[in-house]
């Protein structure tokens, strides 16, 4: 499935804005990405296995609120970072 990577995390993917990956759940997908791109998962998932508060993950335009969300082969996953500043 396609995974859209935000600009701020592209340093982990060698500059790639989109990667192909597999996983039955969002957790499996993120673990696969972390195997390929070490440190990637930690930027998205906290120590309690929750999605970090400044991260939004969408599966086919629907926000995923849990890493146990199931995935299908044809899904597209988009990772977004909240903007902050003053």
Protein backbone atom coordinates (compact mmCIF):
# COMPACT_ATOMS: atom_id res chain seq x y z
CA UNK A 1 0.00 0.00 0.00
CA UNK A 2 1.05 3.60 -0.46
CA UNK A 3 2.23 5.54 2.57
CA UNK A 4 2.53 9.31 2.25
CA UNK A 5 5.40 10.70 4.35
CA UNK A 6 5.38 14.32 5.59
CA UNK A 7 8.34 16.51 4.71
CA UNK A 8 9.59 16.62 8.32
CA UNK A 9 10.01 12.82 8.40
CA UNK A 10 11.56 12.37 4.96
CA UNK A 11 15.06 12.45 6.43
CA UNK A 12 14.26 8.92 7.69
CA UNK A 13 13.11 7.71 4.27
CA UNK A 14 16.03 9.09 2.30
CA UNK A 15 13.93 11.99 1.05
CA UNK A 16 11.06 9.87 -0.23
CA UNK A 17 7.61 11.42 0.08
CA UNK A 18 5.83 8.19 -0.70
CA UNK A 19 6.80 4.60 0.06
CA UNK A 20 5.22 1.20 -0.47
CA UNK A 21 4.74 -1.00 2.59
CA UNK A 22 2.59 -3.84 3.91
CA UNK A 23 0.83 -4.60 7.15
CA UNK A 24 -2.42 -6.10 8.42
CA UNK A 25 -2.72 -3.30 10.97
CA UNK A 26 -1.34 0.19 11.31
CA UNK A 27 1.03 -1.12 13.98
CA UNK A 28 2.40 -3.81 11.63
CA UNK A 29 2.83 -1.21 8.89
CA UNK A 30 4.73 1.17 11.17
CA UNK A 31 6.95 -1.65 12.45
CA UNK A 32 7.81 -2.60 8.86
CA UNK A 33 8.64 1.01 8.08
CA UNK A 34 10.81 1.18 11.20
CA UNK A 35 12.74 -1.91 10.09
CA UNK A 36 13.44 -0.23 6.76
CA UNK A 37 13.88 3.28 8.18
CA UNK A 38 15.22 2.99 11.76
CA UNK A 39 13.79 5.57 14.18
CA UNK A 40 10.73 6.28 12.03
CA UNK A 41 8.14 4.65 14.33
CA UNK A 42 9.38 6.47 17.45
CA UNK A 43 8.62 9.82 15.81
CA UNK A 44 5.00 8.75 15.33
CA UNK A 45 4.21 6.42 18.26
CA UNK A 46 4.86 7.19 21.93
CA UNK A 47 6.12 4.90 24.69
CA UNK A 48 2.55 3.78 25.51
CA UNK A 49 1.93 2.69 21.88
CA UNK A 50 -0.32 5.66 21.22
CA UNK A 51 -0.21 7.99 18.25
CA UNK A 52 1.66 11.12 19.34
CA UNK A 53 -0.60 14.13 19.89
CA UNK A 54 0.95 16.19 17.09
CA UNK A 55 0.56 13.36 14.54
CA UNK A 56 -2.55 12.53 12.53
CA UNK A 57 -2.75 9.35 10.48
CA UNK A 58 -5.38 8.87 7.81
CA UNK A 59 -6.36 5.60 6.17
CA UNK A 60 -8.17 6.39 2.92
CA UNK A 61 -9.11 9.88 4.17
CA UNK A 62 -10.46 8.59 7.51
CA UNK A 63 -8.50 9.43 10.65
CA UNK A 64 -7.03 6.45 12.50
CA UNK A 65 -7.08 6.91 16.26
CA UNK A 66 -5.50 3.59 17.22
CA UNK A 67 -2.50 1.66 15.94
CA UNK A 68 -4.64 -1.50 15.94
CA UNK A 69 -6.64 -0.13 12.99
CA UNK A 70 -6.88 -2.77 10.28
CA UNK A 71 -5.51 -2.19 6.81
CA UNK A 72 -6.31 -3.58 3.38
CA UNK A 73 -3.81 -3.98 0.57
CA UNK A 74 -5.44 -1.22 -1.50
CA UNK A 75 -5.48 1.36 1.34
CA UNK A 76 -3.51 4.59 1.23
CA UNK A 77 -2.03 5.83 4.49
CA UNK A 78 -1.18 9.49 5.00
CA UNK A 79 0.85 10.71 7.97
CA UNK A 80 0.43 14.39 8.84
CA UNK A 81 2.19 16.57 11.40
CA UNK A 82 0.45 19.38 13.23
CA UNK A 83 1.87 22.82 12.61
CA UNK A 84 2.78 24.96 15.57
CA UNK A 85 4.43 28.22 16.24
CA UNK A 86 3.60 31.75 17.10
